[in-house]
Amino acid sequence: MSTLDDWAAAVVSELGLPAGADVRLVLDLARDIAHGVERPAAPLTTWLAGMAVARGADPADVAARLSALAASWES
């Protein structure tokens, strides 16, 4: 396991969350937002995406929609 995987597992355990977070999906979303909008938007967007997923949204759908929004973003 990588340090990132170890960290994700520790956070999941600490917060009592179910295992199985798609780390790559979150990192890809953060990359798309950082490059398509601006860097500070990446942690904010991943937080908001997490809130949507916590309310029942599909993680892959949320990531795809937000990545598409970032790709079309004109600052």
N, C-alpha and C. Protein backbone atom coordinates (compact mmCIF):
# COMPACT_ATOMS: atom_id res chain seq x y z
N MET A 1 0.83 -1.19 0.00
CA MET A 1 0.00 0.00 0.00
C MET A 1 0.88 1.26 0.00
N SER A 2 0.36 2.29 -0.61
CA SER A 2 1.06 3.56 -0.63
C SER A 2 0.69 4.37 0.61
N THR A 3 1.42 5.43 0.83
CA THR A 3 1.10 6.33 1.94
C THR A 3 -0.31 6.87 1.78
N LEU A 4 -0.70 7.20 0.55
CA LEU A 4 -2.04 7.71 0.30
C LEU A 4 -3.10 6.67 0.67
N ASP A 5 -2.88 5.44 0.28
CA ASP A 5 -3.82 4.37 0.63
C ASP A 5 -3.90 4.18 2.14
N ASP A 6 -2.73 4.21 2.79
CA ASP A 6 -2.70 4.08 4.25
C ASP A 6 -3.46 5.23 4.91
N TRP A 7 -3.24 6.46 4.41
CA TRP A 7 -3.92 7.63 4.96
C TRP A 7 -5.44 7.50 4.77
N ALA A 8 -5.86 7.14 3.56
CA ALA A 8 -7.30 7.00 3.29
C ALA A 8 -7.92 5.97 4.22
N ALA A 9 -7.25 4.85 4.42
CA ALA A 9 -7.77 3.80 5.30
C ALA A 9 -7.85 4.30 6.75
N ALA A 10 -6.86 5.07 7.18
CA ALA A 10 -6.86 5.61 8.54
C ALA A 10 -8.00 6.62 8.72
N VAL A 11 -8.25 7.47 7.72
CA VAL A 11 -9.33 8.45 7.80
C VAL A 11 -10.68 7.74 7.83
N VAL A 12 -10.86 6.76 6.97
CA VAL A 12 -12.11 5.99 6.96
C VAL A 12 -12.35 5.36 8.33
N SER A 13 -11.32 4.79 8.90
CA SER A 13 -11.44 4.17 10.22
C SER A 13 -11.75 5.22 11.29
N GLU A 14 -11.03 6.31 11.28
CA GLU A 14 -11.21 7.37 12.28
C GLU A 14 -12.62 7.95 12.26
N LEU A 15 -13.18 8.09 11.06
CA LEU A 15 -14.50 8.70 10.92
C LEU A 15 -15.64 7.68 10.93
N GLY A 16 -15.29 6.40 11.02
CA GLY A 16 -16.31 5.36 11.05
C GLY A 16 -17.07 5.23 9.75
N LEU A 17 -16.38 5.47 8.64
CA LEU A 17 -17.02 5.39 7.32
C LEU A 17 -16.90 3.99 6.75
N PRO A 18 -17.78 3.64 5.84
CA PRO A 18 -17.65 2.32 5.20
C PRO A 18 -16.43 2.32 4.27
N ALA A 19 -15.75 1.21 4.22
CA ALA A 19 -14.58 1.07 3.35
C ALA A 19 -15.02 1.10 1.90
N GLY A 20 -14.08 1.36 1.01
CA GLY A 20 -14.37 1.28 -0.41
C GLY A 20 -14.38 2.60 -1.14
N ALA A 21 -13.86 3.65 -0.53
CA ALA A 21 -13.79 4.94 -1.22
C ALA A 21 -12.91 4.80 -2.46
N ASP A 22 -13.35 5.39 -3.55
CA ASP A 22 -12.61 5.35 -4.80
C ASP A 22 -11.63 6.52 -4.83
N VAL A 23 -10.44 6.29 -4.31
CA VAL A 23 -9.43 7.33 -4.19
C VAL A 23 -9.10 7.92 -5.55
N ARG A 24 -8.95 7.09 -6.56
CA ARG A 24 -8.59 7.57 -7.90
C ARG A 24 -9.67 8.50 -8.45
N LEU A 25 -10.93 8.17 -8.23
CA LEU A 25 -12.03 9.01 -8.70
C LEU A 25 -11.94 10.40 -8.09
N VAL A 26 -11.68 10.47 -6.79
CA VAL A 26 -11.59 11.75 -6.09
C VAL A 26 -10.38 12.54 -6.59
N LEU A 27 -9.25 11.87 -6.74
CA LEU A 27 -8.04 12.56 -7.21
C LEU A 27 -8.20 13.07 -8.64
N ASP A 28 -8.84 12.28 -9.48
CA ASP A 28 -9.07 12.72 -10.86
C ASP A 28 -10.01 13.92 -10.89
N LEU A 29 -11.04 13.91 -10.05
CA LEU A 29 -11.94 15.05 -9.98
C LEU A 29 -11.19 16.29 -9.52
N ALA A 30 -10.40 16.16 -8.47
CA ALA A 30 -9.63 17.31 -7.97
C ALA A 30 -8.70 17.86 -9.04
N ARG A 31 -8.07 16.98 -9.80
CA ARG A 31 -7.18 17.41 -10.90
C ARG A 31 -7.96 18.20 -11.94
N ASP A 32 -9.11 17.66 -12.34
CA ASP A 32 -9.91 18.32 -13.37
C ASP A 32 -10.36 19.71 -12.92
N ILE A 33 -10.74 19.82 -11.67
CA ILE A 33 -11.19 21.11 -11.15
C ILE A 33 -10.01 22.07 -11.02
N ALA A 34 -8.90 21.60 -10.49
CA ALA A 34 -7.72 22.45 -10.32
C ALA A 34 -7.24 23.01 -11.65
N HIS A 35 -7.28 22.20 -12.69
CA HIS A 35 -6.80 22.65 -14.00
C HIS A 35 -7.87 23.40 -14.79
N GLY A 36 -9.13 23.04 -14.58
CA GLY A 36 -10.20 23.66 -15.36
C GLY A 36 -10.76 24.93 -14.76
N VAL A 37 -10.63 25.08 -13.45
CA VAL A 37 -11.19 26.25 -12.77
C VAL A 37 -10.04 27.00 -12.12
N GLU A 38 -9.62 26.56 -10.94
CA GLU A 38 -8.42 27.05 -10.27
C GLU A 38 -8.13 26.13 -9.10
N ARG A 39 -6.89 26.12 -8.67
CA ARG A 39 -6.45 25.18 -7.65
C ARG A 39 -7.30 25.20 -6.38
N PRO A 40 -7.60 26.38 -5.81
CA PRO A 40 -8.38 26.37 -4.57
C PRO A 40 -9.79 25.78 -4.74
N ALA A 41 -10.27 25.69 -5.96
CA ALA A 41 -11.60 25.12 -6.18
C ALA A 41 -11.60 23.60 -6.00
N ALA A 42 -10.43 22.97 -6.08
CA ALA A 42 -10.36 21.51 -6.00
C ALA A 42 -10.81 20.97 -4.64
N PRO A 43 -10.25 21.43 -3.51
CA PRO A 43 -10.73 20.87 -2.24
C PRO A 43 -12.19 21.24 -1.95
N LEU A 44 -12.58 22.44 -2.32
CA LEU A 44 -13.98 22.83 -2.12
C LEU A 44 -14.91 21.92 -2.91
N THR A 45 -14.57 21.67 -4.15
CA THR A 45 -15.42 20.85 -5.01
C THR A 45 -15.48 19.41 -4.53
N THR A 46 -14.35 18.86 -4.09
CA THR A 46 -14.37 17.49 -3.61
C THR A 46 -15.20 17.39 -2.33
N TRP A 47 -15.16 18.43 -1.50
CA TRP A 47 -16.01 18.46 -0.29
C TRP A 47 -17.49 18.47 -0.69
N LEU A 48 -17.83 19.36 -1.62
CA LEU A 48 -19.22 19.44 -2.06
C LEU A 48 -19.68 18.15 -2.75
N ALA A 49 -18.79 17.55 -3.52
CA ALA A 49 -19.11 16.27 -4.15
C ALA A 49 -19.38 15.22 -3.09
N GLY A 50 -18.57 15.21 -2.04
CA GLY A 50 -18.78 14.27 -0.94
C GLY A 50 -20.12 14.48 -0.27
N MET A 51 -20.52 15.73 -0.13
CA MET A 51 -21.83 16.02 0.45
C MET A 51 -22.94 15.46 -0.43
N ALA A 52 -22.80 15.61 -1.74
CA ALA A 52 -23.80 15.08 -2.66
C ALA A 52 -23.87 13.55 -2.57
N VAL A 53 -22.71 12.92 -2.50
CA VAL A 53 -22.66 11.46 -2.40
C VAL A 53 -23.27 11.01 -1.07
N ALA A 54 -23.00 11.74 0.00
CA ALA A 54 -23.57 11.40 1.30
C ALA A 54 -25.10 11.47 1.28
N ARG A 55 -25.63 12.31 0.39
CA ARG A 55 -27.09 12.43 0.27
C ARG A 55 -27.67 11.42 -0.71
N GLY A 56 -26.81 10.54 -1.26
CA GLY A 56 -27.30 9.45 -2.09
C GLY A 56 -26.92 9.50 -3.55
N ALA A 57 -26.24 10.54 -3.98
CA ALA A 57 -25.84 10.63 -5.39
C ALA A 57 -24.76 9.59 -5.71
N ASP A 58 -24.74 9.16 -6.94
CA ASP A 58 -23.74 8.19 -7.40
C ASP A 58 -22.38 8.89 -7.55
N PRO A 59 -21.32 8.38 -6.91
CA PRO A 59 -20.02 9.04 -6.97
C PRO A 59 -19.50 9.25 -8.40
N ALA A 60 -19.63 8.23 -9.25
CA ALA A 60 -19.13 8.35 -10.62
C ALA A 60 -19.91 9.40 -11.40
N ASP A 61 -21.22 9.47 -11.17
CA ASP A 61 -22.04 10.48 -11.85
C ASP A 61 -21.67 11.88 -11.38
N VAL A 62 -21.51 12.06 -10.07
CA VAL A 62 -21.11 13.37 -9.54
C VAL A 62 -19.78 13.80 -10.13
N ALA A 63 -18.81 12.91 -10.12
CA ALA A 63 -17.48 13.24 -10.65
C ALA A 63 -17.56 13.58 -12.14
N ALA A 64 -18.30 12.81 -12.90
CA ALA A 64 -18.42 13.08 -14.34
C ALA A 64 -19.08 14.43 -14.60
N ARG A 65 -20.13 14.73 -13.87
CA ARG A 65 -20.83 16.00 -14.07
C ARG A 65 -19.94 17.19 -13.71
N LEU A 66 -19.23 17.08 -12.59
CA LEU A 66 -18.38 18.19 -12.17
C LEU A 66 -17.15 18.34 -13.06
N SER A 67 -16.60 17.24 -13.53
CA SER A 67 -15.47 17.32 -14.47
C SER A 67 -15.91 17.97 -15.77
N ALA A 68 -17.10 17.62 -16.25
CA ALA A 68 -17.64 18.25 -17.47
C ALA A 68 -17.88 19.74 -17.25
N LEU A 69 -18.38 20.10 -16.08
CA LEU A 69 -18.59 21.51 -15.78
C LEU A 69 -17.26 22.26 -15.77
N ALA A 70 -16.24 21.66 -15.18
CA ALA A 70 -14.92 22.31 -15.15
C ALA A 70 -14.33 22.44 -16.55
N ALA A 71 -14.56 21.43 -17.39
CA ALA A 71 -14.01 21.46 -18.75
C ALA A 71 -14.65 22.59 -19.58
N SER A 72 -15.88 22.94 -19.24
CA SER A 72 -16.54 23.99 -19.99
C SER A 72 -16.44 25.35 -19.29
N TRP A 73 -15.78 25.40 -18.17
CA TRP A 73 -15.70 26.62 -17.36
C TRP A 73 -14.86 27.69 -18.05
N GLU A 74 -15.40 28.86 -18.12
CA GLU A 74 -14.66 30.00 -18.66
C GLU A 74 -14.56 31.04 -17.56
N SER A 75 -13.33 31.31 -17.13
CA SER A 75 -13.17 32.27 -16.04
C SER A 75 -13.18 33.70 -16.53
